[in-house]
Amino acid sequence: MPTPVHPYGAAKAAAETAVRVVDPGAVLVRTSLILGEGSKQIQLCRDALTGRATLFTDELRCPVDVGDLADAVLELADSAVAGPLNVAGPEPVSRAGLGLLVARRYGIDPAGMTTTTTTAAGLRRPTDVRLDSSRATALLRTRLRGVTELLAG
């Protein structure tokens, strides 16, 4: 049973509980940063590369491509899989690391990137929110690509 320490996590846990009440056989897809052309995450990185936003060096996530995620969800909709299932990319990266990958992908000089830590920003929230998607990888035909591959120009 989840024990969230942040209001966002508490809202997600409450939503999962509500779905389980309505349909105990439902699959509950848990994911991470969703990437795609024009996505909010890519734009945040581009903004940080020009000093208009700040990226955290200490928050680890497992980004997933929006197309990979959509294909996986469609595949799961026709399956008997039930309960929580992590569906995220296999490669953990910090937001600052993601910013460097975005810089390389779009040919932007990373020298202007602004970074900080959650502590320095005065935030209290989990920093290691990597998802182990090995169960999803074993169940799905859809291949969940890593962030380095996704942003490999």
N, C-alpha and C. Protein backbone atom coordinates (compact mmCIF):
# COMPACT_ATOMS: atom_id res chain seq x y z
N MET A 1 0.85 -1.19 0.00
CA MET A 1 0.00 0.00 0.00
C MET A 1 0.89 1.24 0.00
N PRO A 2 0.63 2.18 -0.89
CA PRO A 2 1.46 3.39 -0.95
C PRO A 2 1.33 4.23 0.32
N THR A 3 2.42 4.90 0.65
CA THR A 3 2.43 5.85 1.77
C THR A 3 3.03 7.17 1.27
N PRO A 4 2.26 7.93 0.50
CA PRO A 4 2.80 9.16 -0.11
C PRO A 4 3.18 10.20 0.93
N VAL A 5 4.23 10.95 0.61
CA VAL A 5 4.70 12.01 1.50
C VAL A 5 4.45 13.39 0.90
N HIS A 6 3.84 13.43 -0.27
CA HIS A 6 3.59 14.69 -0.97
C HIS A 6 2.12 14.70 -1.43
N PRO A 7 1.47 15.86 -1.44
CA PRO A 7 0.05 15.92 -1.84
C PRO A 7 -0.22 15.33 -3.23
N TYR A 8 0.70 15.51 -4.17
CA TYR A 8 0.52 14.96 -5.51
C TYR A 8 0.45 13.43 -5.44
N GLY A 9 1.35 12.84 -4.68
CA GLY A 9 1.35 11.39 -4.51
C GLY A 9 0.09 10.91 -3.79
N ALA A 10 -0.37 11.69 -2.82
CA ALA A 10 -1.60 11.33 -2.10
C ALA A 10 -2.80 11.34 -3.04
N ALA A 11 -2.85 12.30 -3.95
CA ALA A 11 -3.96 12.37 -4.92
C ALA A 11 -3.91 11.16 -5.85
N LYS A 12 -2.71 10.77 -6.28
CA LYS A 12 -2.59 9.59 -7.15
C LYS A 12 -3.01 8.32 -6.41
N ALA A 13 -2.61 8.18 -5.16
CA ALA A 13 -2.98 7.00 -4.37
C ALA A 13 -4.49 6.95 -4.17
N ALA A 14 -5.11 8.10 -3.92
CA ALA A 14 -6.58 8.14 -3.76
C ALA A 14 -7.28 7.74 -5.06
N ALA A 15 -6.75 8.17 -6.19
CA ALA A 15 -7.35 7.81 -7.47
C ALA A 15 -7.23 6.30 -7.71
N GLU A 16 -6.09 5.72 -7.38
CA GLU A 16 -5.92 4.27 -7.53
C GLU A 16 -6.91 3.52 -6.64
N THR A 17 -7.10 3.98 -5.42
CA THR A 17 -8.05 3.35 -4.50
C THR A 17 -9.46 3.41 -5.08
N ALA A 18 -9.84 4.55 -5.62
CA ALA A 18 -11.18 4.71 -6.21
C ALA A 18 -11.37 3.76 -7.39
N VAL A 19 -10.35 3.63 -8.23
CA VAL A 19 -10.45 2.72 -9.38
C VAL A 19 -10.59 1.28 -8.90
N ARG A 20 -9.83 0.90 -7.87
CA ARG A 20 -9.92 -0.47 -7.34
C ARG A 20 -11.30 -0.79 -6.79
N VAL A 21 -11.95 0.21 -6.20
CA VAL A 21 -13.30 0.01 -5.68
C VAL A 21 -14.27 -0.25 -6.83
N VAL A 22 -14.15 0.52 -7.89
CA VAL A 22 -15.04 0.38 -9.05
C VAL A 22 -14.75 -0.89 -9.83
N ASP A 23 -13.46 -1.19 -10.03
CA ASP A 23 -13.07 -2.36 -10.84
C ASP A 23 -11.81 -3.00 -10.25
N PRO A 24 -11.97 -3.96 -9.36
CA PRO A 24 -10.81 -4.61 -8.73
C PRO A 24 -9.88 -5.29 -9.72
N GLY A 25 -10.35 -5.57 -10.94
CA GLY A 25 -9.51 -6.22 -11.95
C GLY A 25 -8.83 -5.26 -12.90
N ALA A 26 -8.93 -3.97 -12.62
CA ALA A 26 -8.33 -2.96 -13.50
C ALA A 26 -6.81 -2.96 -13.37
N VAL A 27 -6.14 -2.62 -14.46
CA VAL A 27 -4.70 -2.40 -14.40
C VAL A 27 -4.48 -0.92 -14.07
N LEU A 28 -3.59 -0.66 -13.16
CA LEU A 28 -3.29 0.69 -12.71
C LEU A 28 -1.89 1.04 -13.21
N VAL A 29 -1.82 1.77 -14.31
CA VAL A 29 -0.54 2.11 -14.92
C VAL A 29 0.10 3.27 -14.16
N ARG A 30 1.29 3.01 -13.67
CA ARG A 30 2.08 4.05 -13.01
C ARG A 30 3.22 4.39 -13.95
N THR A 31 3.42 5.68 -14.19
CA THR A 31 4.45 6.08 -15.13
C THR A 31 5.29 7.21 -14.58
N SER A 32 6.17 7.72 -15.39
CA SER A 32 7.12 8.74 -14.96
C SER A 32 7.02 9.92 -15.92
N LEU A 33 8.09 10.67 -16.08
CA LEU A 33 8.09 11.81 -16.99
C LEU A 33 7.74 11.34 -18.40
N ILE A 34 6.74 11.94 -19.00
CA ILE A 34 6.31 11.56 -20.34
C ILE A 34 6.94 12.53 -21.33
N LEU A 35 7.71 11.96 -22.28
CA LEU A 35 8.42 12.77 -23.25
C LEU A 35 7.85 12.59 -24.65
N GLY A 36 7.95 13.64 -25.43
CA GLY A 36 7.56 13.63 -26.83
C GLY A 36 7.85 15.00 -27.41
N GLU A 37 7.85 15.08 -28.73
CA GLU A 37 8.08 16.38 -29.36
C GLU A 37 7.06 17.38 -28.84
N GLY A 38 7.54 18.52 -28.38
CA GLY A 38 6.66 19.56 -27.88
C GLY A 38 6.12 19.32 -26.48
N SER A 39 6.60 18.26 -25.80
CA SER A 39 6.09 17.97 -24.45
C SER A 39 6.55 19.03 -23.45
N LYS A 40 5.80 19.11 -22.38
CA LYS A 40 6.11 20.05 -21.30
C LYS A 40 7.52 19.81 -20.76
N GLN A 41 7.91 18.56 -20.63
CA GLN A 41 9.23 18.25 -20.06
C GLN A 41 10.36 18.72 -20.98
N ILE A 42 10.21 18.52 -22.28
CA ILE A 42 11.22 18.97 -23.24
C ILE A 42 11.30 20.50 -23.21
N GLN A 43 10.15 21.17 -23.18
CA GLN A 43 10.14 22.63 -23.15
C GLN A 43 10.78 23.16 -21.87
N LEU A 44 10.52 22.51 -20.74
CA LEU A 44 11.15 22.93 -19.48
C LEU A 44 12.67 22.86 -19.60
N CYS A 45 13.16 21.78 -20.19
CA CYS A 45 14.62 21.64 -20.37
C CYS A 45 15.15 22.72 -21.29
N ARG A 46 14.46 22.98 -22.38
CA ARG A 46 14.91 24.03 -23.30
C ARG A 46 14.92 25.39 -22.61
N ASP A 47 13.92 25.64 -21.77
CA ASP A 47 13.88 26.90 -21.01
C ASP A 47 15.07 26.99 -20.04
N ALA A 48 15.39 25.88 -19.38
CA ALA A 48 16.51 25.87 -18.43
C ALA A 48 17.83 26.08 -19.14
N LEU A 49 17.93 25.61 -20.36
CA LEU A 49 19.18 25.77 -21.13
C LEU A 49 19.43 27.22 -21.50
N THR A 50 18.40 28.03 -21.45
CA THR A 50 18.55 29.46 -21.74
C THR A 50 18.34 30.31 -20.49
N GLY A 51 18.37 29.68 -19.32
CA GLY A 51 18.27 30.41 -18.06
C GLY A 51 16.88 30.84 -17.66
N ARG A 52 15.83 30.37 -18.35
CA ARG A 52 14.46 30.77 -18.03
C ARG A 52 13.77 29.80 -17.08
N ALA A 53 14.44 28.73 -16.70
CA ALA A 53 13.89 27.74 -15.76
C ALA A 53 15.08 27.07 -15.08
N THR A 54 14.81 26.32 -14.03
CA THR A 54 15.85 25.64 -13.27
C THR A 54 15.53 24.15 -13.22
N LEU A 55 16.57 23.34 -13.40
CA LEU A 55 16.41 21.89 -13.35
C LEU A 55 17.09 21.34 -12.12
N PHE A 56 16.51 20.29 -11.53
CA PHE A 56 17.06 19.67 -10.34
C PHE A 56 18.10 18.62 -10.71
N THR A 57 19.19 18.62 -9.97
CA THR A 57 20.25 17.64 -10.19
C THR A 57 20.02 16.37 -9.39
N ASP A 58 19.13 16.42 -8.41
CA ASP A 58 19.00 15.31 -7.46
C ASP A 58 17.67 14.56 -7.57
N GLU A 59 16.87 14.84 -8.56
CA GLU A 59 15.61 14.11 -8.74
C GLU A 59 15.78 13.09 -9.86
N LEU A 60 15.67 11.83 -9.52
CA LEU A 60 15.83 10.75 -10.50
C LEU A 60 14.48 10.19 -10.92
N ARG A 61 14.27 10.15 -12.22
CA ARG A 61 13.05 9.60 -12.80
C ARG A 61 13.40 8.73 -13.99
N CYS A 62 12.41 8.01 -14.50
CA CYS A 62 12.60 7.12 -15.66
C CYS A 62 11.68 7.57 -16.78
N PRO A 63 12.12 8.53 -17.59
CA PRO A 63 11.26 9.06 -18.64
C PRO A 63 10.81 7.99 -19.63
N VAL A 64 9.60 8.20 -20.17
CA VAL A 64 9.02 7.29 -21.15
C VAL A 64 8.52 8.11 -22.33
N ASP A 65 8.64 7.55 -23.52
CA ASP A 65 8.13 8.20 -24.72
C ASP A 65 6.61 8.11 -24.74
N VAL A 66 5.95 9.18 -25.13
CA VAL A 66 4.49 9.21 -25.15
C VAL A 66 3.93 8.13 -26.07
N GLY A 67 4.59 7.88 -27.19
CA GLY A 67 4.12 6.83 -28.11
C GLY A 67 4.28 5.44 -27.53
N ASP A 68 5.43 5.20 -26.87
CA ASP A 68 5.64 3.90 -26.21
C ASP A 68 4.59 3.68 -25.13
N LEU A 69 4.32 4.72 -24.35
CA LEU A 69 3.34 4.62 -23.27
C LEU A 69 1.94 4.35 -23.83
N ALA A 70 1.57 5.08 -24.87
CA ALA A 70 0.25 4.88 -25.47
C ALA A 70 0.11 3.46 -26.01
N ASP A 71 1.14 2.97 -26.69
CA ASP A 71 1.09 1.60 -27.22
C ASP A 71 0.97 0.58 -26.08
N ALA A 72 1.70 0.82 -25.00
CA ALA A 72 1.65 -0.10 -23.86
C ALA A 72 0.25 -0.10 -23.23
N VAL A 73 -0.33 1.08 -23.06
CA VAL A 73 -1.67 1.17 -22.46
C VAL A 73 -2.71 0.48 -23.35
N LEU A 74 -2.62 0.67 -24.66
CA LEU A 74 -3.55 -0.01 -25.56
C LEU A 74 -3.38 -1.53 -25.48
N GLU A 75 -2.15 -1.97 -25.38
CA GLU A 75 -1.88 -3.40 -25.24
C GLU A 75 -2.47 -3.93 -23.92
N LEU A 76 -2.31 -3.17 -22.85
CA LEU A 76 -2.81 -3.59 -21.54
C LEU A 76 -4.34 -3.60 -21.49
N ALA A 77 -4.96 -2.71 -22.26
CA ALA A 77 -6.43 -2.64 -22.27
C ALA A 77 -7.05 -3.95 -22.75
N ASP A 78 -6.33 -4.68 -23.57
CA ASP A 78 -6.84 -5.96 -24.09
C ASP A 78 -6.22 -7.15 -23.37
N SER A 79 -5.68 -6.92 -22.19
CA SER A 79 -5.02 -8.01 -21.47
C SER A 79 -5.76 -8.31 -20.17
N ALA A 80 -5.32 -9.35 -19.50
CA ALA A 80 -5.88 -9.72 -18.20
C ALA A 80 -5.03 -9.18 -17.05
N VAL A 81 -4.07 -8.34 -17.35
CA VAL A 81 -3.21 -7.78 -16.30
C VAL A 81 -4.06 -6.92 -15.37
N ALA A 82 -3.85 -7.09 -14.07
CA ALA A 82 -4.60 -6.32 -13.08
C ALA A 82 -3.66 -5.77 -12.02
N GLY A 83 -4.12 -4.74 -11.35
CA GLY A 83 -3.34 -4.15 -10.27
C GLY A 83 -2.31 -3.16 -10.78
N PRO A 84 -1.45 -2.66 -9.88
CA PRO A 84 -0.46 -1.66 -10.27
C PRO A 84 0.61 -2.24 -11.18
N LEU A 85 0.99 -1.45 -12.18
CA LEU A 85 2.04 -1.85 -13.11
C LEU A 85 2.84 -0.61 -13.49
N ASN A 86 4.12 -0.62 -13.18
CA ASN A 86 5.01 0.47 -13.57
C ASN A 86 5.29 0.36 -15.06
N VAL A 87 5.01 1.43 -15.79
CA VAL A 87 5.28 1.48 -17.22
C VAL A 87 6.07 2.76 -17.48
N ALA A 88 7.37 2.62 -17.46
CA ALA A 88 8.26 3.76 -17.64
C ALA A 88 9.49 3.30 -18.39
N GLY A 89 10.30 4.25 -18.78
CA GLY A 89 11.54 3.91 -19.48
C GLY A 89 12.50 3.19 -18.56
N PRO A 90 13.45 2.47 -19.14
CA PRO A 90 14.38 1.67 -18.35
C PRO A 90 15.58 2.45 -17.80
N GLU A 91 15.69 3.72 -18.17
CA GLU A 91 16.91 4.47 -17.87
C GLU A 91 16.63 5.65 -16.93
N PRO A 92 17.15 5.60 -15.69
CA PRO A 92 16.94 6.74 -14.79
C PRO A 92 17.81 7.92 -15.18
N VAL A 93 17.28 9.12 -14.96
CA VAL A 93 18.02 10.34 -15.26
C VAL A 93 17.47 11.45 -14.36
N SER A 94 18.35 12.37 -13.99
CA SER A 94 17.89 13.56 -13.25
C SER A 94 17.31 14.54 -14.27
N ARG A 95 16.58 15.52 -13.77
CA ARG A 95 16.06 16.53 -14.70
C ARG A 95 17.22 17.29 -15.35
N ALA A 96 18.28 17.52 -14.60
CA ALA A 96 19.46 18.19 -15.18
C ALA A 96 20.11 17.30 -16.24
N GLY A 97 20.19 16.01 -15.98
CA GLY A 97 20.71 15.07 -16.98
C GLY A 97 19.85 15.06 -18.23
N LEU A 98 18.54 15.15 -18.03
CA LEU A 98 17.61 15.23 -19.16
C LEU A 98 17.89 16.52 -19.95
N GLY A 99 18.15 17.59 -19.23
CA GLY A 99 18.47 18.85 -19.88
C GLY A 99 19.70 18.73 -20.78
N LEU A 100 20.72 18.02 -20.31
CA LEU A 100 21.92 17.82 -21.13
C LEU A 100 21.61 16.99 -22.38
N LEU A 101 20.75 15.98 -22.23
CA LEU A 101 20.36 15.18 -23.40
C LEU A 101 19.55 16.02 -24.40
N VAL A 102 18.69 16.88 -23.89
CA VAL A 102 17.92 17.77 -24.76
C VAL A 102 18.86 18.74 -25.47
N ALA A 103 19.85 19.26 -24.76
CA ALA A 103 20.83 20.17 -25.36
C ALA A 103 21.53 19.49 -26.53
N ARG A 104 21.98 18.27 -26.31
CA ARG A 104 22.67 17.54 -27.37
C ARG A 104 21.73 17.27 -28.55
N ARG A 105 20.50 16.88 -28.25
CA ARG A 105 19.51 16.56 -29.30
C ARG A 105 19.21 17.75 -30.20
N TYR A 106 19.09 18.93 -29.60
CA TYR A 106 18.69 20.11 -30.35
C TYR A 106 19.85 21.06 -30.66
N GLY A 107 21.07 20.65 -30.34
CA GLY A 107 22.24 21.47 -30.66
C GLY A 107 22.31 22.77 -29.88
N ILE A 108 21.91 22.71 -28.61
CA ILE A 108 21.91 23.89 -27.75
C ILE A 108 23.12 23.81 -26.82
N ASP A 109 23.83 24.91 -26.66
CA ASP A 109 24.97 24.94 -25.75
C ASP A 109 24.45 24.81 -24.31
N PRO A 110 24.90 23.78 -23.57
CA PRO A 110 24.39 23.58 -22.20
C PRO A 110 25.00 24.53 -21.18
N ALA A 111 25.92 25.38 -21.58
CA ALA A 111 26.59 26.27 -20.62
C ALA A 111 25.62 27.20 -19.89
N GLY A 112 24.51 27.52 -20.51
CA GLY A 112 23.54 28.42 -19.88
C GLY A 112 22.52 27.73 -19.00
N MET A 113 22.65 26.40 -18.85
CA MET A 113 21.65 25.64 -18.07
C MET A 113 21.72 26.02 -16.60
N THR A 114 20.56 26.24 -16.01
CA THR A 114 20.44 26.58 -14.60
C THR A 114 20.00 25.34 -13.84
N THR A 115 20.76 24.99 -12.77
CA THR A 115 20.43 23.81 -11.96
C THR A 115 20.44 24.15 -10.49
N THR A 116 19.81 23.29 -9.71
CA THR A 116 19.82 23.39 -8.26
C THR A 116 19.47 22.01 -7.69
N THR A 117 19.37 21.94 -6.38
CA THR A 117 18.89 20.72 -5.71
C THR A 117 17.55 21.05 -5.05
N THR A 118 16.81 20.02 -4.71
CA THR A 118 15.52 20.25 -4.05
C THR A 118 15.72 20.92 -2.70
N THR A 119 16.76 20.52 -1.99
CA THR A 119 17.05 21.12 -0.68
C THR A 119 17.36 22.60 -0.82
N ALA A 120 18.23 22.94 -1.79
CA ALA A 120 18.59 24.34 -2.00
C ALA A 120 17.39 25.17 -2.41
N ALA A 121 16.43 24.54 -3.09
CA ALA A 121 15.21 25.23 -3.51
C ALA A 121 14.18 25.30 -2.39
N GLY A 122 14.48 24.69 -1.24
CA GLY A 122 13.56 24.71 -0.11
C GLY A 122 12.40 23.76 -0.23
N LEU A 123 12.57 22.73 -1.07
CA LEU A 123 11.48 21.77 -1.29
C LEU A 123 11.71 20.51 -0.48
N ARG A 124 10.62 19.93 -0.04
CA ARG A 124 10.69 18.65 0.67
C ARG A 124 9.80 17.66 -0.06
N ARG A 125 10.44 16.84 -0.87
CA ARG A 125 9.70 15.85 -1.64
C ARG A 125 10.67 14.74 -2.02
N PRO A 126 10.16 13.59 -2.40
CA PRO A 126 11.04 12.49 -2.77
C PRO A 126 11.89 12.86 -3.98
N THR A 127 13.14 12.46 -3.94
CA THR A 127 14.02 12.74 -5.08
C THR A 127 14.30 11.49 -5.91
N ASP A 128 14.25 10.34 -5.30
CA ASP A 128 14.48 9.10 -6.04
C ASP A 128 13.14 8.44 -6.32
N VAL A 129 12.58 8.76 -7.47
CA VAL A 129 11.28 8.20 -7.83
C VAL A 129 11.40 7.34 -9.09
N ARG A 130 12.52 6.62 -9.15
CA ARG A 130 12.71 5.68 -10.26
C ARG A 130 11.65 4.59 -10.16
N LEU A 131 11.21 4.13 -11.30
CA LEU A 131 10.22 3.05 -11.36
C LEU A 131 10.87 1.81 -11.97
N ASP A 132 10.69 0.69 -11.33
CA ASP A 132 11.17 -0.58 -11.85
C ASP A 132 10.08 -1.13 -12.78
N SER A 133 10.33 -1.09 -14.06
CA SER A 133 9.35 -1.53 -15.05
C SER A 133 9.67 -2.91 -15.60
N SER A 134 10.45 -3.69 -14.88
CA SER A 134 10.84 -5.02 -15.38
C SER A 134 9.63 -5.93 -15.57
N ARG A 135 8.62 -5.83 -14.72
CA ARG A 135 7.42 -6.65 -14.88
C ARG A 135 6.69 -6.27 -16.18
N ALA A 136 6.55 -4.97 -16.43
CA ALA A 136 5.90 -4.51 -17.66
C ALA A 136 6.70 -4.96 -18.88
N THR A 137 8.00 -4.85 -18.81
CA THR A 137 8.86 -5.27 -19.92
C THR A 137 8.65 -6.75 -20.24
N ALA A 138 8.49 -7.56 -19.21
CA ALA A 138 8.28 -9.00 -19.40
C ALA A 138 6.88 -9.30 -19.95
N LEU A 139 5.90 -8.48 -19.61
CA LEU A 139 4.51 -8.72 -20.02
C LEU A 139 4.17 -8.17 -21.40
N LEU A 140 4.81 -7.07 -21.77
CA LEU A 140 4.41 -6.34 -22.97
C LEU A 140 5.22 -6.71 -24.21
N ARG A 141 4.57 -6.61 -25.36
CA ARG A 141 5.29 -6.68 -26.63
C ARG A 141 5.90 -5.31 -26.94
N THR A 142 5.26 -4.24 -26.47
CA THR A 142 5.74 -2.88 -26.68
C THR A 142 7.09 -2.71 -26.00
N ARG A 143 8.05 -2.17 -26.74
CA ARG A 143 9.38 -1.92 -26.17
C ARG A 143 9.40 -0.51 -25.59
N LEU A 144 9.77 -0.41 -24.33
CA LEU A 144 9.89 0.87 -23.64
C LEU A 144 11.34 1.34 -23.78
N ARG A 145 11.54 2.35 -24.61
CA ARG A 145 12.90 2.82 -24.91
C ARG A 145 13.44 3.73 -23.82
N GLY A 146 14.76 3.71 -23.68
CA GLY A 146 15.43 4.57 -22.71
C GLY A 146 15.56 5.99 -23.23
N VAL A 147 15.78 6.92 -22.32
CA VAL A 147 15.81 8.34 -22.64
C VAL A 147 16.98 8.68 -23.56
N THR A 148 18.11 8.02 -23.44
CA THR A 148 19.24 8.29 -24.32
C THR A 148 18.87 7.96 -25.76
N GLU A 149 18.21 6.82 -25.96
CA GLU A 149 17.76 6.45 -27.29
C GLU A 149 16.70 7.43 -27.82
N LEU A 150 15.78 7.82 -26.96
CA LEU A 150 14.70 8.72 -27.38
C LEU A 150 15.24 10.06 -27.87
N LEU A 151 16.29 10.54 -27.22
CA LEU A 151 16.81 11.87 -27.56
C LEU A 151 18.09 11.83 -28.39
N ALA A 152 18.34 10.70 -29.01
CA ALA A 152 19.56 10.52 -29.78
C ALA A 152 19.49 11.22 -31.13
N GLY A 153 19.04 12.29 -31.35
CA GLY A 153 19.07 13.03 -32.61
C GLY A 153 18.99 12.24 -33.82
